């Protein structure tokens, strides 16, 4: 039986996911916002994306650890 994923690997996986999500989010904002008439400076898009991905990081890491805890109890 596996001991599950270590905290370090959970952290690394969440970080990689969030960094790629951040880049995708910034690009989408810069592309989609103008399509809807929203003119936002690129600096603001970076800050908005940062807030979103920090929340996503916390959520991803917490959910990963919860599921890992459930899996290792079996």
PDB file of N, CA and C in Angstrom:
ATOM      1  N   UNK A   1       0.843  -1.186   0.000  1.00  0.00           N
ATOM      2  CA  UNK A   1       0.000   0.000   0.000  1.00  0.00           C
ATOM      3  C   UNK A   1       0.885   1.244   0.000  1.00  0.00           C
ATOM      4  N   UNK A   2       0.476   2.230  -0.727  1.00  0.00           N
ATOM      5  CA  UNK A   2       1.222   3.485  -0.831  1.00  0.00           C
ATOM      6  C   UNK A   2       0.981   4.342   0.403  1.00  0.00           C
ATOM      7  N   UNK A   3       1.981   5.108   0.757  1.00  0.00           N
ATOM      8  CA  UNK A   3       1.840   6.049   1.860  1.00  0.00           C
ATOM      9  C   UNK A   3       1.220   7.352   1.394  1.00  0.00           C
ATOM     10  N   UNK A   4       0.869   7.435   0.130  1.00  0.00           N
ATOM     11  CA  UNK A   4       0.286   8.658  -0.412  1.00  0.00           C
ATOM     12  C   UNK A   4       1.360   9.642  -0.828  1.00  0.00           C
ATOM     13  N   UNK A   5       0.912  10.789  -1.213  1.00  0.00           N
ATOM     14  CA  UNK A   5       1.822  11.821  -1.699  1.00  0.00           C
ATOM     15  C   UNK A   5       2.356  12.635  -0.520  1.00  0.00           C
ATOM     16  N   UNK A   6       3.651  12.909  -0.532  1.00  0.00           N
ATOM     17  CA  UNK A   6       4.247  13.693   0.551  1.00  0.00           C
ATOM     18  C   UNK A   6       3.767  15.142   0.481  1.00  0.00           C
ATOM     19  N   UNK A   7       3.882  15.834   1.585  1.00  0.00           N
ATOM     20  CA  UNK A   7       3.514  17.258   1.612  1.00  0.00           C
ATOM     21  C   UNK A   7       4.351  18.044   0.608  1.00  0.00           C
ATOM     22  N   UNK A   8       5.620  17.687   0.517  1.00  0.00           N
ATOM     23  CA  UNK A   8       6.515  18.388  -0.411  1.00  0.00           C
ATOM     24  C   UNK A   8       6.052  18.214  -1.854  1.00  0.00           C
ATOM     25  N   UNK A   9       5.680  16.982  -2.223  1.00  0.00           N
ATOM     26  CA  UNK A   9       5.206  16.740  -3.591  1.00  0.00           C
ATOM     27  C   UNK A   9       3.844  17.394  -3.822  1.00  0.00           C
ATOM     28  N   UNK A  10       2.987  17.403  -2.805  1.00  0.00           N
ATOM     29  CA  UNK A  10       1.697  18.094  -2.922  1.00  0.00           C
ATOM     30  C   UNK A  10       1.921  19.580  -3.165  1.00  0.00           C
ATOM     31  N   UNK A  11       2.868  20.143  -2.423  1.00  0.00           N
ATOM     32  CA  UNK A  11       3.187  21.559  -2.571  1.00  0.00           C
ATOM     33  C   UNK A  11       3.743  21.842  -3.961  1.00  0.00           C
ATOM     34  N   UNK A  12       4.658  20.992  -4.429  1.00  0.00           N
ATOM     35  CA  UNK A  12       5.242  21.171  -5.757  1.00  0.00           C
ATOM     36  C   UNK A  12       4.182  21.047  -6.849  1.00  0.00           C
ATOM     37  N   UNK A  13       3.327  20.032  -6.743  1.00  0.00           N
ATOM     38  CA  UNK A  13       2.275  19.853  -7.743  1.00  0.00           C
ATOM     39  C   UNK A  13       1.337  21.052  -7.773  1.00  0.00           C
ATOM     40  N   UNK A  14       0.936  21.521  -6.602  1.00  0.00           N
ATOM     41  CA  UNK A  14       0.050  22.684  -6.534  1.00  0.00           C
ATOM     42  C   UNK A  14       0.728  23.924  -7.101  1.00  0.00           C
ATOM     43  N   UNK A  15       1.999  24.094  -6.807  1.00  0.00           N
ATOM     44  CA  UNK A  15       2.738  25.266  -7.297  1.00  0.00           C
ATOM     45  C   UNK A  15       2.838  25.256  -8.823  1.00  0.00           C
ATOM     46  N   UNK A  16       3.174  24.106  -9.398  1.00  0.00           N
ATOM     47  CA  UNK A  16       3.273  24.006 -10.865  1.00  0.00           C
ATOM     48  C   UNK A  16       1.915  24.282 -11.502  1.00  0.00           C
ATOM     49  N   UNK A  17       0.876  23.718 -10.911  1.00  0.00           N
ATOM     50  CA  UNK A  17      -0.475  23.929 -11.429  1.00  0.00           C
ATOM     51  C   UNK A  17      -0.862  25.399 -11.377  1.00  0.00           C
ATOM     52  N   UNK A  18      -0.549  26.057 -10.271  1.00  0.00           N
ATOM     53  CA  UNK A  18      -0.928  27.457 -10.109  1.00  0.00           C
ATOM     54  C   UNK A  18      -0.110  28.376 -11.014  1.00  0.00           C
ATOM     55  N   UNK A  19       1.170  28.099 -11.175  1.00  0.00           N
ATOM     56  CA  UNK A  19       2.000  28.940 -12.051  1.00  0.00           C
ATOM     57  C   UNK A  19       1.502  28.846 -13.491  1.00  0.00           C
ATOM     58  N   UNK A  20       1.225  27.640 -13.951  1.00  0.00           N
ATOM     59  CA  UNK A  20       0.703  27.508 -15.316  1.00  0.00           C
ATOM     60  C   UNK A  20      -0.677  28.151 -15.417  1.00  0.00           C
ATOM     61  N   UNK A  21      -1.480  27.990 -14.373  1.00  0.00           N
ATOM     62  CA  UNK A  21      -2.796  28.633 -14.354  1.00  0.00           C
ATOM     63  C   UNK A  21      -2.686  30.145 -14.382  1.00  0.00           C
ATOM     64  N   UNK A  22      -1.687  30.686 -13.682  1.00  0.00           N
ATOM     65  CA  UNK A  22      -1.464  32.133 -13.668  1.00  0.00           C
ATOM     66  C   UNK A  22      -1.157  32.653 -15.068  1.00  0.00           C
ATOM     67  N   UNK A  23      -0.249  31.978 -15.732  1.00  0.00           N
ATOM     68  CA  UNK A  23       0.116  32.405 -17.091  1.00  0.00           C
ATOM     69  C   UNK A  23      -1.086  32.330 -18.032  1.00  0.00           C
ATOM     70  N   UNK A  24      -1.826  31.256 -17.930  1.00  0.00           N
ATOM     71  CA  UNK A  24      -3.018  31.104 -18.783  1.00  0.00           C
ATOM     72  C   UNK A  24      -4.045  32.181 -18.460  1.00  0.00           C
ATOM     73  N   UNK A  25      -4.252  32.450 -17.157  1.00  0.00           N
ATOM     74  CA  UNK A  25      -5.233  33.460 -16.746  1.00  0.00           C
ATOM     75  C   UNK A  25      -4.867  34.849 -17.256  1.00  0.00           C
ATOM     76  N   UNK A  26      -3.605  35.214 -17.156  1.00  0.00           N
ATOM     77  CA  UNK A  26      -3.171  36.529 -17.645  1.00  0.00           C
ATOM     78  C   UNK A  26      -3.411  36.630 -19.151  1.00  0.00           C
ATOM     79  N   UNK A  27      -3.014  35.602 -19.882  1.00  0.00           N
ATOM     80  CA  UNK A  27      -3.204  35.624 -21.337  1.00  0.00           C
ATOM     81  C   UNK A  27      -4.677  35.690 -21.714  1.00  0.00           C
ATOM     82  N   UNK A  28      -5.506  34.941 -21.006  1.00  0.00           N
ATOM     83  CA  UNK A  28      -6.950  34.973 -21.292  1.00  0.00           C
ATOM     84  C   UNK A  28      -7.513  36.364 -21.009  1.00  0.00           C
ATOM     85  N   UNK A  29      -7.105  36.959 -19.876  1.00  0.00           N
ATOM     86  CA  UNK A  29      -7.611  38.302 -19.555  1.00  0.00           C
ATOM     87  C   UNK A  29      -7.207  39.314 -20.616  1.00  0.00           C
ATOM     88  N   UNK A  30      -5.973  39.244 -21.043  1.00  0.00           N
ATOM     89  CA  UNK A  30      -5.514  40.200 -22.050  1.00  0.00           C
ATOM     90  C   UNK A  30      -6.197  39.985 -23.398  1.00  0.00           C
ATOM     91  N   UNK A  31      -6.670  38.774 -23.646  1.00  0.00           N
ATOM     92  CA  UNK A  31      -7.321  38.454 -24.913  1.00  0.00           C
ATOM     93  C   UNK A  31      -8.833  38.637 -24.832  1.00  0.00           C
ATOM     94  N   UNK A  32      -9.457  38.158 -23.727  1.00  0.00           N
ATOM     95  CA  UNK A  32     -10.922  38.132 -23.629  1.00  0.00           C
ATOM     96  C   UNK A  32     -11.512  39.467 -23.185  1.00  0.00           C
ATOM     97  N   UNK A  33     -10.892  40.131 -22.218  1.00  0.00           N
ATOM     98  CA  UNK A  33     -11.467  41.383 -21.732  1.00  0.00           C
ATOM     99  C   UNK A  33     -11.771  42.371 -22.857  1.00  0.00           C
ATOM    100  N   UNK A  34     -10.838  42.614 -23.774  1.00  0.00           N
ATOM    101  CA  UNK A  34     -11.143  43.539 -24.865  1.00  0.00           C
ATOM    102  C   UNK A  34     -12.316  43.086 -25.743  1.00  0.00           C
ATOM    103  N   UNK A  35     -12.536  41.782 -25.844  1.00  0.00           N
ATOM    104  CA  UNK A  35     -13.659  41.272 -26.633  1.00  0.00           C
ATOM    105  C   UNK A  35     -14.995  41.691 -26.022  1.00  0.00           C
ATOM    106  N   UNK A  36     -15.007  41.985 -24.714  1.00  0.00           N
ATOM    107  CA  UNK A  36     -16.217  42.387 -24.016  1.00  0.00           C
ATOM    108  C   UNK A  36     -16.207  43.879 -23.668  1.00  0.00           C
ATOM    109  N   UNK A  37     -15.290  44.607 -24.280  1.00  0.00           N
ATOM    110  CA  UNK A  37     -15.238  46.043 -24.079  1.00  0.00           C
ATOM    111  C   UNK A  37     -14.606  46.468 -22.770  1.00  0.00           C
ATOM    112  N   UNK A  38     -13.922  45.556 -22.104  1.00  0.00           N
ATOM    113  CA  UNK A  38     -13.265  45.887 -20.841  1.00  0.00           C
ATOM    114  C   UNK A  38     -11.817  46.245 -21.148  1.00  0.00           C
ATOM    115  N   UNK A  39     -11.480  47.490 -20.892  1.00  0.00           N
ATOM    116  CA  UNK A  39     -10.116  47.956 -21.137  1.00  0.00           C
ATOM    117  C   UNK A  39      -9.380  47.974 -19.804  1.00  0.00           C
ATOM    118  N   UNK A  40      -8.487  47.039 -19.628  1.00  0.00           N
ATOM    119  CA  UNK A  40      -7.768  46.923 -18.368  1.00  0.00           C
ATOM    120  C   UNK A  40      -6.271  46.982 -18.644  1.00  0.00           C
ATOM    121  N   UNK A  41      -5.547  47.792 -17.907  1.00  0.00           N
ATOM    122  CA  UNK A  41      -4.093  47.839 -18.100  1.00  0.00           C
ATOM    123  C   UNK A  41      -3.472  46.476 -17.794  1.00  0.00           C
ATOM    124  N   UNK A  42      -2.410  46.145 -18.480  1.00  0.00           N
ATOM    125  CA  UNK A  42      -1.799  44.830 -18.292  1.00  0.00           C
ATOM    126  C   UNK A  42      -1.335  44.633 -16.850  1.00  0.00           C
ATOM    127  N   UNK A  43      -0.893  45.691 -16.192  1.00  0.00           N
ATOM    128  CA  UNK A  43      -0.492  45.576 -14.789  1.00  0.00           C
ATOM    129  C   UNK A  43      -1.638  45.121 -13.900  1.00  0.00           C
ATOM    130  N   UNK A  44      -2.826  45.654 -14.160  1.00  0.00           N
ATOM    131  CA  UNK A  44      -4.004  45.254 -13.396  1.00  0.00           C
ATOM    132  C   UNK A  44      -4.352  43.794 -13.678  1.00  0.00           C
ATOM    133  N   UNK A  45      -4.199  43.369 -14.927  1.00  0.00           N
ATOM    134  CA  UNK A  45      -4.464  41.965 -15.273  1.00  0.00           C
ATOM    135  C   UNK A  45      -3.526  41.043 -14.501  1.00  0.00           C
ATOM    136  N   UNK A  46      -2.273  41.447 -14.355  1.00  0.00           N
ATOM    137  CA  UNK A  46      -1.309  40.642 -13.594  1.00  0.00           C
ATOM    138  C   UNK A  46      -1.708  40.541 -12.125  1.00  0.00           C
ATOM    139  N   UNK A  47      -2.161  41.654 -11.547  1.00  0.00           N
ATOM    140  CA  UNK A  47      -2.550  41.662 -10.130  1.00  0.00           C
ATOM    141  C   UNK A  47      -3.815  40.835  -9.922  1.00  0.00           C
ATOM    142  N   UNK A  48      -4.809  41.020 -10.776  1.00  0.00           N
ATOM    143  CA  UNK A  48      -6.039  40.231 -10.671  1.00  0.00           C
ATOM    144  C   UNK A  48      -5.718  38.746 -10.773  1.00  0.00           C
ATOM    145  N   UNK A  49      -4.886  38.384 -11.738  1.00  0.00           N
ATOM    146  CA  UNK A  49      -4.510  36.984 -11.909  1.00  0.00           C
ATOM    147  C   UNK A  49      -3.767  36.458 -10.694  1.00  0.00           C
ATOM    148  N   UNK A  50      -2.903  37.271 -10.106  1.00  0.00           N
ATOM    149  CA  UNK A  50      -2.152  36.852  -8.931  1.00  0.00           C
ATOM    150  C   UNK A  50      -3.093  36.544  -7.771  1.00  0.00           C
ATOM    151  N   UNK A  51      -4.085  37.382  -7.557  1.00  0.00           N
ATOM    152  CA  UNK A  51      -5.057  37.156  -6.484  1.00  0.00           C
ATOM    153  C   UNK A  51      -5.800  35.846  -6.724  1.00  0.00           C
ATOM    154  N   UNK A  52      -6.237  35.644  -7.953  1.00  0.00           N
ATOM    155  CA  UNK A  52      -6.981  34.426  -8.281  1.00  0.00           C
ATOM    156  C   UNK A  52      -6.113  33.184  -8.081  1.00  0.00           C
ATOM    157  N   UNK A  53      -4.877  33.218  -8.549  1.00  0.00           N
ATOM    158  CA  UNK A  53      -4.046  32.011  -8.452  1.00  0.00           C
ATOM    159  C   UNK A  53      -3.569  31.755  -7.030  1.00  0.00           C
ATOM    160  N   UNK A  54      -3.404  32.781  -6.211  1.00  0.00           N
ATOM    161  CA  UNK A  54      -3.055  32.533  -4.808  1.00  0.00           C
ATOM    162  C   UNK A  54      -4.202  31.823  -4.097  1.00  0.00           C
ATOM    163  N   UNK A  55      -5.426  32.230  -4.387  1.00  0.00           N
ATOM    164  CA  UNK A  55      -6.584  31.538  -3.826  1.00  0.00           C
ATOM    165  C   UNK A  55      -6.650  30.108  -4.367  1.00  0.00           C
ATOM    166  N   UNK A  56      -6.373  29.931  -5.657  1.00  0.00           N
ATOM    167  CA  UNK A  56      -6.385  28.597  -6.257  1.00  0.00           C
ATOM    168  C   UNK A  56      -5.302  27.715  -5.652  1.00  0.00           C
ATOM    169  N   UNK A  57      -4.137  28.289  -5.385  1.00  0.00           N
ATOM    170  CA  UNK A  57      -3.048  27.537  -4.779  1.00  0.00           C
ATOM    171  C   UNK A  57      -3.461  27.005  -3.408  1.00  0.00           C
ATOM    172  N   UNK A  58      -4.015  27.880  -2.580  1.00  0.00           N
ATOM    173  CA  UNK A  58      -4.452  27.468  -1.244  1.00  0.00           C
ATOM    174  C   UNK A  58      -5.507  26.370  -1.343  1.00  0.00           C
ATOM    175  N   UNK A  59      -6.452  26.528  -2.259  1.00  0.00           N
ATOM    176  CA  UNK A  59      -7.495  25.520  -2.443  1.00  0.00           C
ATOM    177  C   UNK A  59      -6.914  24.215  -2.941  1.00  0.00           C
ATOM    178  N   UNK A  60      -6.060  24.261  -3.968  1.00  0.00           N
ATOM    179  CA  UNK A  60      -5.476  23.035  -4.530  1.00  0.00           C
ATOM    180  C   UNK A  60      -4.681  22.262  -3.485  1.00  0.00           C
ATOM    181  N   UNK A  61      -3.849  22.951  -2.731  1.00  0.00           N
ATOM    182  CA  UNK A  61      -3.018  22.293  -1.734  1.00  0.00           C
ATOM    183  C   UNK A  61      -3.879  21.673  -0.643  1.00  0.00           C
ATOM    184  N   UNK A  62      -4.887  22.405  -0.170  1.00  0.00           N
ATOM    185  CA  UNK A  62      -5.762  21.908   0.885  1.00  0.00           C
ATOM    186  C   UNK A  62      -6.541  20.678   0.430  1.00  0.00           C
ATOM    187  N   UNK A  63      -7.115  20.741  -0.764  1.00  0.00           N
ATOM    188  CA  UNK A  63      -7.877  19.604  -1.287  1.00  0.00           C
ATOM    189  C   UNK A  63      -6.960  18.402  -1.504  1.00  0.00           C
ATOM    190  N   UNK A  64      -5.774  18.637  -2.038  1.00  0.00           N
ATOM    191  CA  UNK A  64      -4.812  17.549  -2.265  1.00  0.00           C
ATOM    192  C   UNK A  64      -4.476  16.856  -0.951  1.00  0.00           C
ATOM    193  N   UNK A  65      -4.209  17.642   0.096  1.00  0.00           N
ATOM    194  CA  UNK A  65      -3.858  17.056   1.395  1.00  0.00           C
ATOM    195  C   UNK A  65      -5.050  16.329   2.006  1.00  0.00           C
ATOM    196  N   UNK A  66      -6.260  16.861   1.841  1.00  0.00           N
ATOM    197  CA  UNK A  66      -7.457  16.202   2.354  1.00  0.00           C
ATOM    198  C   UNK A  66      -7.633  14.834   1.709  1.00  0.00           C
ATOM    199  N   UNK A  67      -7.547  14.795   0.383  1.00  0.00           N
ATOM    200  CA  UNK A  67      -7.711  13.528  -0.315  1.00  0.00           C
ATOM    201  C   UNK A  67      -6.574  12.565   0.007  1.00  0.00           C
ATOM    202  N   UNK A  68      -5.373  13.084   0.174  1.00  0.00           N
ATOM    203  CA  UNK A  68      -4.252  12.229   0.544  1.00  0.00           C
ATOM    204  C   UNK A  68      -4.481  11.626   1.927  1.00  0.00           C
ATOM    205  N   UNK A  69      -5.003  12.423   2.836  1.00  0.00           N
ATOM    206  CA  UNK A  69      -5.309  11.944   4.186  1.00  0.00           C
ATOM    207  C   UNK A  69      -6.374  10.857   4.162  1.00  0.00           C
ATOM    208  N   UNK A  70      -7.391  11.049   3.363  1.00  0.00           N
ATOM    209  CA  UNK A  70      -8.456  10.051   3.230  1.00  0.00           C
ATOM    210  C   UNK A  70      -7.886   8.758   2.648  1.00  0.00           C
ATOM    211  N   UNK A  71      -7.058   8.880   1.621  1.00  0.00           N
ATOM    212  CA  UNK A  71      -6.492   7.714   0.951  1.00  0.00           C
ATOM    213  C   UNK A  71      -5.592   6.918   1.877  1.00  0.00           C
ATOM    214  N   UNK A  72      -4.796   7.567   2.683  1.00  0.00           N
ATOM    215  CA  UNK A  72      -3.845   6.855   3.530  1.00  0.00           C
ATOM    216  C   UNK A  72      -4.505   6.236   4.759  1.00  0.00           C
ATOM    217  N   UNK A  73      -5.723   6.615   5.080  1.00  0.00           N
ATOM    218  CA  UNK A  73      -6.460   6.018   6.218  1.00  0.00           C
ATOM    219  C   UNK A  73      -7.027   4.652   5.872  1.00  0.00           C
ATOM    220  N   UNK A  74      -7.174   4.367   4.597  1.00  0.00           N
ATOM    221  CA  UNK A  74      -7.778   3.089   4.163  1.00  0.00           C
ATOM    222  C   UNK A  74      -6.886   1.924   4.470  1.00  0.00           C
TER     223      UNK A  74
END
